[in-house]
C-alpha cells in the first residue's frame, strides 16, 4: 500500500497553505475536501468583503492582487483556486472524510470514495459546516435559513434576522435595501462590537430611524408557518407576521469528528488539545490548523493569524522525519 507523508483534511486557505509547505519541502501529500476548493468561501454571501487586506490573506508567499483595500469573495475564490491550479496542488474534491484511525504509527483515513494511508494527518476543516442551532420549535421549517447568500429572494417579504454579528448585519442591510420588511431579534443589548467598523454606523442609523425594527435583549422562542414568536426585554411574548427567518447564529466545528479521531476536547468551549508551538494534538502525529483550533470560539482564529500554522506543522514533521 502507498503511505503518504501527509494527509490534509480540508481544502480551505489553511489546508492549501499546508499543502504548499509540504510541496516546498518535497513531502508527499494529499488534500481531501468534501466540497470545492475553498468550499467555505464559495458558500459565503456573494458580496461579502473581508476584514483583512489582501496582503494578510496571502499564502505561500504568492501575491494577492486586489482592486479594493478589502478583497471580496470572488477575488478570494480566484486567488486561492488559482493557486491550486498553478501549483498543481494534489487535492481530491467532493470526497468526505468519514473516519481517521491509527495502527502501528500509520493513519488510515476512510472517505466516501476511498481509503488512504499516511504518517501524518493535518485537520484543517474550519467551522462553516454545522450551524449553531437555536433548538426551538419550527427551526426545521423550509422558510428558516442558516446561510445567507444574497438579498434578492427576500424582496417585499417580512424577514426576521436573528443575531447581531457581521453576517446578521450584512443580511439586514442588504435585504432592507432590496425592499424587505426587516426585523432583527437580538439577545444582547447592542449590535456586536465585532461588526466591521465601516458597516456599524450604517446599521445603527437604520435602527435609530426605525427603517429596520430591532428588538434588543430579546429571544426568538418559536417559528410558525406565517409568524414568529419572541420574548422581548420586558418578558412579554410577542407574535409577528413573517415569511422568512435568517438565523445568523454562528457555526461550529465538527466536534464529533474530532472526538472520534481521538482528540481531547476541553471545557464548555470544546477547545481541542494541541501544542501551541507545533499544533500537534494529544494524538501523536495528528495536527490541527486554522479555525478548528478555537473550539466554539470561532472568532479566535482566521486566515490572517492562522496562516503560520502550516509552517509550524511542517517544521515539526521535518524534525521528526530527520530523527527517524
Protein backbone atom coordinates (compact mmCIF):
# COMPACT_ATOMS: atom_id res chain seq x y z
CA UNK A 1 0.00 0.00 0.00
CA UNK A 2 1.11 3.57 -0.66
CA UNK A 3 1.78 5.55 2.51
CA UNK A 4 1.76 9.32 2.11
CA UNK A 5 3.84 11.57 4.28
CA UNK A 6 0.83 13.81 4.99
CA UNK A 7 -2.93 13.59 4.52
CA UNK A 8 -4.61 17.01 4.84
CA UNK A 9 -8.32 17.11 5.65
CA UNK A 10 -9.86 20.33 4.32
CA UNK A 11 -9.10 22.35 1.21
CA UNK A 12 -9.59 25.85 2.57
CA UNK A 13 -6.89 28.55 2.60
CA UNK A 14 -5.09 26.97 5.56
CA UNK A 15 -5.27 23.46 4.12
CA UNK A 16 -3.86 24.82 0.85
CA UNK A 17 -1.08 26.56 2.75
CA UNK A 18 -0.18 23.27 4.46
CA UNK A 19 -0.03 21.64 1.03
CA UNK A 20 2.24 24.39 -0.31
CA UNK A 21 4.62 23.93 2.63
CA UNK A 22 4.64 20.16 2.15
CA UNK A 23 5.27 20.59 -1.57
CA UNK A 24 8.12 23.04 -0.93
CA UNK A 25 9.80 20.50 1.35
CA UNK A 26 9.36 17.53 -1.01
CA UNK A 27 6.89 15.73 1.22
CA UNK A 28 4.23 13.56 -0.39
CA UNK A 29 0.73 14.76 0.49
CA UNK A 30 -2.92 14.77 -0.48
CA UNK A 31 -5.76 17.12 0.44
CA UNK A 32 -9.20 15.54 0.81
CA UNK A 33 -12.01 18.13 0.59
CA UNK A 34 -15.73 17.42 0.91
CA UNK A 35 -16.72 20.25 -1.47
CA UNK A 36 -14.96 22.52 -3.92
CA UNK A 37 -11.62 24.30 -3.40
CA UNK A 38 -12.04 26.79 -0.51
CA UNK A 39 -15.58 25.49 -0.11
CA UNK A 40 -16.48 27.75 2.82
CA UNK A 41 -15.53 30.87 0.85
CA UNK A 42 -17.67 29.64 -2.02
CA UNK A 43 -20.65 29.47 0.38
CA UNK A 44 -20.08 32.97 1.80
CA UNK A 45 -22.54 35.76 0.91
CA UNK A 46 -21.96 36.82 -2.69
CA UNK A 47 -20.99 40.40 -1.82
CA UNK A 48 -19.01 39.67 1.35
CA UNK A 49 -15.81 41.64 2.00
CA UNK A 50 -13.00 40.55 4.29
CA UNK A 51 -11.80 42.44 7.35
CA UNK A 52 -8.22 41.80 6.27
CA UNK A 53 -6.27 43.44 3.49
CA UNK A 54 -5.20 41.28 0.55
CA UNK A 55 -1.63 41.07 1.82
CA UNK A 56 -2.77 39.42 5.05
CA UNK A 57 -4.74 36.77 3.18
CA UNK A 58 -1.76 35.63 1.11
CA UNK A 59 -0.43 32.09 1.33
CA UNK A 60 2.76 30.55 0.02
CA UNK A 61 4.33 33.99 -0.47
CA UNK A 62 2.14 34.40 -3.57
CA UNK A 63 0.90 38.00 -4.03
CA UNK A 64 -2.84 38.60 -3.75
CA UNK A 65 -3.67 41.46 -6.12
CA UNK A 66 -6.99 43.11 -5.29
CA UNK A 67 -8.78 46.10 -6.79
CA UNK A 68 -10.14 47.02 -3.33
CA UNK A 69 -8.47 47.70 0.02
CA UNK A 70 -10.57 44.82 1.43
CA UNK A 71 -10.90 41.92 -1.03
CA UNK A 72 -14.29 40.39 -1.75
CA UNK A 73 -15.47 36.81 -2.03
CA UNK A 74 -14.96 36.50 -5.79
CA UNK A 75 -11.41 37.86 -5.66
CA UNK A 76 -10.56 35.41 -2.89
CA UNK A 77 -12.01 32.50 -4.86
CA UNK A 78 -9.94 33.50 -7.90
CA UNK A 79 -6.81 33.83 -5.78
CA UNK A 80 -7.00 30.55 -3.85
CA UNK A 81 -8.37 28.41 -6.67
CA UNK A 82 -5.77 29.97 -8.97
CA UNK A 83 -3.02 28.84 -6.61
CA UNK A 84 -4.41 25.30 -6.57
CA UNK A 85 -4.27 25.23 -10.37
CA UNK A 86 -0.91 26.94 -10.85
CA UNK A 87 0.88 24.96 -8.15
CA UNK A 88 -0.81 21.71 -9.20
CA UNK A 89 -1.95 21.02 -5.65
CA UNK A 90 -2.84 17.36 -5.04
CA UNK A 91 -6.46 17.63 -3.96
CA UNK A 92 -9.46 15.32 -4.17
CA UNK A 93 -12.76 17.21 -4.24
CA UNK A 94 -16.31 16.23 -3.24
CA UNK A 95 -14.91 13.46 -1.06
CA UNK A 96 -15.93 13.41 2.60
CA UNK A 97 -13.63 12.02 5.29
CA UNK A 98 -15.58 9.57 7.42
CA UNK A 99 -13.02 8.23 9.87
CA UNK A 100 -9.40 8.63 10.95
CA UNK A 101 -7.79 5.72 12.80
CA UNK A 102 -4.23 4.76 13.66
CA UNK A 103 -2.40 1.46 13.86
CA UNK A 104 1.35 0.77 14.03
CA UNK A 105 2.07 4.51 13.66
CA UNK A 106 0.23 4.70 10.33
CA UNK A 107 -3.03 6.59 9.93
CA UNK A 108 -5.89 5.12 7.93
CA UNK A 109 -8.21 7.77 6.52
CA UNK A 110 -11.51 6.40 5.27
CA UNK A 111 -13.53 8.59 2.94
CA UNK A 112 -16.76 8.44 0.98
CA UNK A 113 -14.77 7.27 -2.04
CA UNK A 114 -11.58 5.55 -0.92
CA UNK A 115 -9.07 4.77 1.82
CA UNK A 116 -5.67 6.42 2.31
CA UNK A 117 -2.65 5.82 4.50
CA UNK A 118 -0.32 8.46 5.89
CA UNK A 119 2.37 9.00 8.51
CA UNK A 120 0.92 12.36 9.50
CA UNK A 121 -2.56 13.88 9.34
CA UNK A 122 -3.50 17.57 9.43
CA UNK A 123 -7.11 18.51 10.20
CA UNK A 124 -7.91 21.91 8.69
CA UNK A 125 -11.68 21.61 8.43
CA UNK A 126 -12.75 25.09 9.57
CA UNK A 127 -16.17 25.59 11.15
CA UNK A 128 -18.69 26.64 8.49
CA UNK A 129 -20.50 23.31 8.08
CA UNK A 130 -22.56 22.98 11.23
CA UNK A 131 -24.99 25.79 12.17
CA UNK A 132 -25.24 26.71 15.84
CA UNK A 133 -28.90 25.77 16.17
CA UNK A 134 -31.40 27.67 18.32
CA UNK A 135 -33.17 24.38 19.19
CA UNK A 136 -36.65 25.89 19.13
CA UNK A 137 -39.94 24.64 17.63
CA UNK A 138 -40.21 25.41 13.92
CA UNK A 139 -36.49 25.80 13.26
CA UNK A 140 -36.75 23.00 10.70
CA UNK A 141 -39.36 24.82 8.59
CA UNK A 142 -38.31 25.47 4.96
CA UNK A 143 -38.51 29.24 5.47
CA UNK A 144 -35.66 29.14 8.04
CA UNK A 145 -32.17 29.68 6.62
CA UNK A 146 -28.87 29.36 8.48
CA UNK A 147 -26.88 30.53 5.46
CA UNK A 148 -27.35 33.82 3.63
CA UNK A 149 -26.04 34.40 0.11
CA UNK A 150 -27.86 37.34 -1.49
CA UNK A 151 -30.83 39.66 -0.84
CA UNK A 152 -32.94 39.23 -3.98
CA UNK A 153 -35.16 36.32 -2.82
CA UNK A 154 -36.38 38.45 0.10
CA UNK A 155 -37.75 41.45 -1.80
CA UNK A 156 -41.18 42.51 -0.44
CA UNK A 157 -41.02 39.78 2.22
CA UNK A 158 -41.27 40.01 6.00
CA UNK A 159 -37.84 38.87 7.16
CA UNK A 160 -36.70 38.19 10.72
CA UNK A 161 -32.94 38.19 11.24
CA UNK A 162 -31.59 36.54 14.37
CA UNK A 163 -28.26 37.79 15.74
CA UNK A 164 -26.10 40.91 15.64
CA UNK A 165 -22.82 39.71 14.12
CA UNK A 166 -21.34 40.68 10.75
CA UNK A 167 -23.41 38.11 8.87
CA UNK A 168 -26.61 39.28 10.59
CA UNK A 169 -25.91 42.95 9.93
CA UNK A 170 -24.95 42.39 6.29
CA UNK A 171 -28.12 40.37 5.72
CA UNK A 172 -30.27 43.02 7.42
CA UNK A 173 -28.87 45.92 5.41
CA UNK A 174 -28.85 44.13 2.07
CA UNK A 175 -32.37 42.71 2.34
CA UNK A 176 -33.72 46.05 3.62
CA UNK A 177 -32.24 47.82 0.58
CA UNK A 178 -33.91 45.32 -1.76
CA UNK A 179 -37.34 46.02 -0.32
CA UNK A 180 -37.67 43.55 2.54
CA UNK A 181 -39.55 44.41 5.73
CA UNK A 182 -36.74 43.59 8.18
CA UNK A 183 -36.96 42.87 11.90
CA UNK A 184 -33.87 41.97 13.94
CA UNK A 185 -34.17 39.92 17.13
CA UNK A 186 -31.01 40.20 19.22
CA UNK A 187 -30.24 38.53 22.55
CA UNK A 188 -27.76 41.23 23.57
CA UNK A 189 -28.22 44.92 24.39
CA UNK A 190 -26.44 46.28 21.31
CA UNK A 191 -25.00 45.46 17.90
CA UNK A 192 -21.90 43.29 18.27
CA UNK A 193 -18.66 45.21 18.74
CA UNK A 194 -17.05 42.87 16.20
CA UNK A 195 -19.14 44.26 13.32
CA UNK A 196 -16.98 45.83 10.60
CA UNK A 197 -16.22 49.43 11.55
CA UNK A 198 -17.33 50.79 8.18
CA UNK A 199 -20.70 48.99 8.43
CA UNK A 200 -21.61 49.58 12.10
CA UNK A 201 -22.74 53.23 11.71
CA UNK A 202 -24.98 52.22 8.82
CA UNK A 203 -26.89 49.58 10.77
CA UNK A 204 -27.10 51.78 13.88
CA UNK A 205 -28.57 54.63 11.83
CA UNK A 206 -31.12 52.34 10.16
CA UNK A 207 -32.16 51.08 13.59
CA UNK A 208 -32.36 54.62 15.02
CA UNK A 209 -34.68 55.77 12.23
CA UNK A 210 -36.80 52.59 12.56
CA UNK A 211 -36.09 51.54 8.99
CA UNK A 212 -35.01 48.22 10.48
CA UNK A 213 -37.10 47.33 13.53
CA UNK A 214 -34.84 45.87 16.21
CA UNK A 215 -35.64 44.12 19.48
CA UNK A 216 -32.62 44.03 21.80
CA UNK A 217 -32.39 41.76 24.87
CA UNK A 218 -34.94 39.56 23.13
CA UNK A 219 -35.11 35.91 22.19
CA UNK A 220 -36.99 34.05 19.49
CA UNK A 221 -38.87 31.13 21.05
CA UNK A 222 -40.95 29.63 18.24
CA UNK A 223 -41.23 29.81 14.46
CA UNK A 224 -44.57 29.16 12.78
CA UNK A 225 -45.56 28.87 9.14
CA UNK A 226 -46.62 32.53 8.88
CA UNK A 227 -45.28 34.11 12.06
CA UNK A 228 -42.54 34.24 14.68
CA UNK A 229 -42.96 34.29 18.46
CA UNK A 230 -40.34 36.02 20.62
CA UNK A 231 -39.85 37.21 24.18
CA UNK A 232 -38.89 40.88 24.48
CA UNK A 233 -36.69 42.63 27.04
CA UNK A 234 -39.66 43.10 29.38
CA UNK A 235 -40.51 39.41 29.33
CA UNK A 236 -43.58 39.94 27.15
CA UNK A 237 -44.42 37.36 24.49
CA UNK A 238 -44.93 38.84 21.02
CA UNK A 239 -46.05 37.30 17.73
CA UNK A 240 -45.29 39.00 14.41
CA UNK A 241 -46.09 38.10 10.82
CA UNK A 242 -43.18 36.52 8.99
CA UNK A 243 -42.22 35.00 5.64
CA UNK A 244 -38.53 34.11 6.19
CA UNK A 245 -36.15 33.69 9.13
CA UNK A 246 -32.42 34.21 8.62
CA UNK A 247 -30.90 32.62 11.71
CA UNK A 248 -27.37 34.02 11.65
CA UNK A 249 -26.47 32.32 14.93
CA UNK A 250 -22.98 31.20 14.01
CA UNK A 251 -21.37 27.89 13.14
CA UNK A 252 -19.38 25.18 14.91
CA UNK A 253 -16.53 22.79 14.09
CA UNK A 254 -17.40 19.11 13.72
CA UNK A 255 -16.68 18.13 17.33
CA UNK A 256 -17.89 14.55 16.82
CA UNK A 257 -15.28 14.04 14.11
CA UNK A 258 -12.53 15.49 16.33
CA UNK A 259 -13.55 13.20 19.21
CA UNK A 260 -13.72 10.05 17.09
CA UNK A 261 -10.26 10.93 15.77
CA UNK A 262 -9.03 10.72 19.37
CA UNK A 263 -8.57 14.44 20.05
CA UNK A 264 -9.23 15.64 23.59
CA UNK A 265 -11.79 18.47 23.85
CA UNK A 266 -11.66 20.66 26.95
CA UNK A 267 -14.34 22.64 28.82
CA UNK A 268 -17.63 24.13 27.72
CA UNK A 269 -15.93 25.74 24.72
CA UNK A 270 -14.80 22.29 23.50
CA UNK A 271 -11.26 23.54 22.97
CA UNK A 272 -9.23 20.84 21.21
CA UNK A 273 -5.93 19.99 22.84
CA UNK A 274 -2.86 20.91 20.82
CA UNK A 275 0.72 22.03 21.38
CA UNK A 276 0.80 25.76 20.66
CA UNK A 277 4.34 25.53 19.25
CA UNK A 278 3.81 22.59 16.89
CA UNK A 279 -0.01 22.36 16.51
CA UNK A 280 0.22 18.64 17.33
CA UNK A 281 -2.75 17.21 19.24
CA UNK A 282 -2.73 14.65 22.05
CA UNK A 283 -2.66 12.04 19.26
CA UNK A 284 0.94 11.69 18.12
CA UNK A 285 1.46 12.92 14.51
CA UNK A 286 -2.09 14.31 14.25
CA UNK A 287 -2.19 18.10 13.85
CA UNK A 288 -4.77 20.88 13.78
CA UNK A 289 -4.60 24.01 11.63
CA UNK A 290 -6.80 27.07 11.25
CA UNK A 291 -10.17 27.99 12.73
CA UNK A 292 -10.89 24.48 14.02
CA UNK A 293 -8.29 25.11 16.76
CA UNK A 294 -10.59 27.54 18.56
CA UNK A 295 -13.38 25.14 19.50
CA UNK A 296 -16.62 27.07 19.99
CA UNK A 297 -14.68 30.35 19.93
CA UNK A 298 -14.78 30.66 16.15
CA UNK A 299 -13.56 34.27 16.25
CA UNK A 300 -10.19 33.30 17.75
CA UNK A 301 -8.52 32.09 14.56
CA UNK A 302 -8.96 33.26 10.97
CA UNK A 303 -6.91 33.24 7.77
CA UNK A 304 -4.71 36.17 8.73
CA UNK A 305 -3.45 34.81 12.04
CA UNK A 306 -3.52 31.06 11.33
CA UNK A 307 -1.52 31.00 8.09
CA UNK A 308 1.54 30.40 10.26
CA UNK A 309 0.14 27.03 11.37
CA UNK A 310 1.31 25.46 8.11
CA UNK A 311 4.95 26.40 8.70
CA UNK A 312 4.78 25.31 12.35
CA UNK A 313 3.38 21.90 11.44
CA UNK A 314 5.71 21.15 8.54
CA UNK A 315 8.72 22.26 10.59
CA UNK A 316 7.76 19.75 13.29
CA UNK A 317 7.16 16.98 10.77
CA UNK A 318 10.56 17.58 9.16
CA UNK A 319 12.19 17.49 12.60
CA UNK A 320 10.53 14.14 13.34
CA UNK A 321 11.46 12.66 9.98
CA UNK A 322 15.07 13.78 10.47
CA UNK A 323 15.14 11.84 13.75
CA UNK A 324 13.91 8.62 12.12
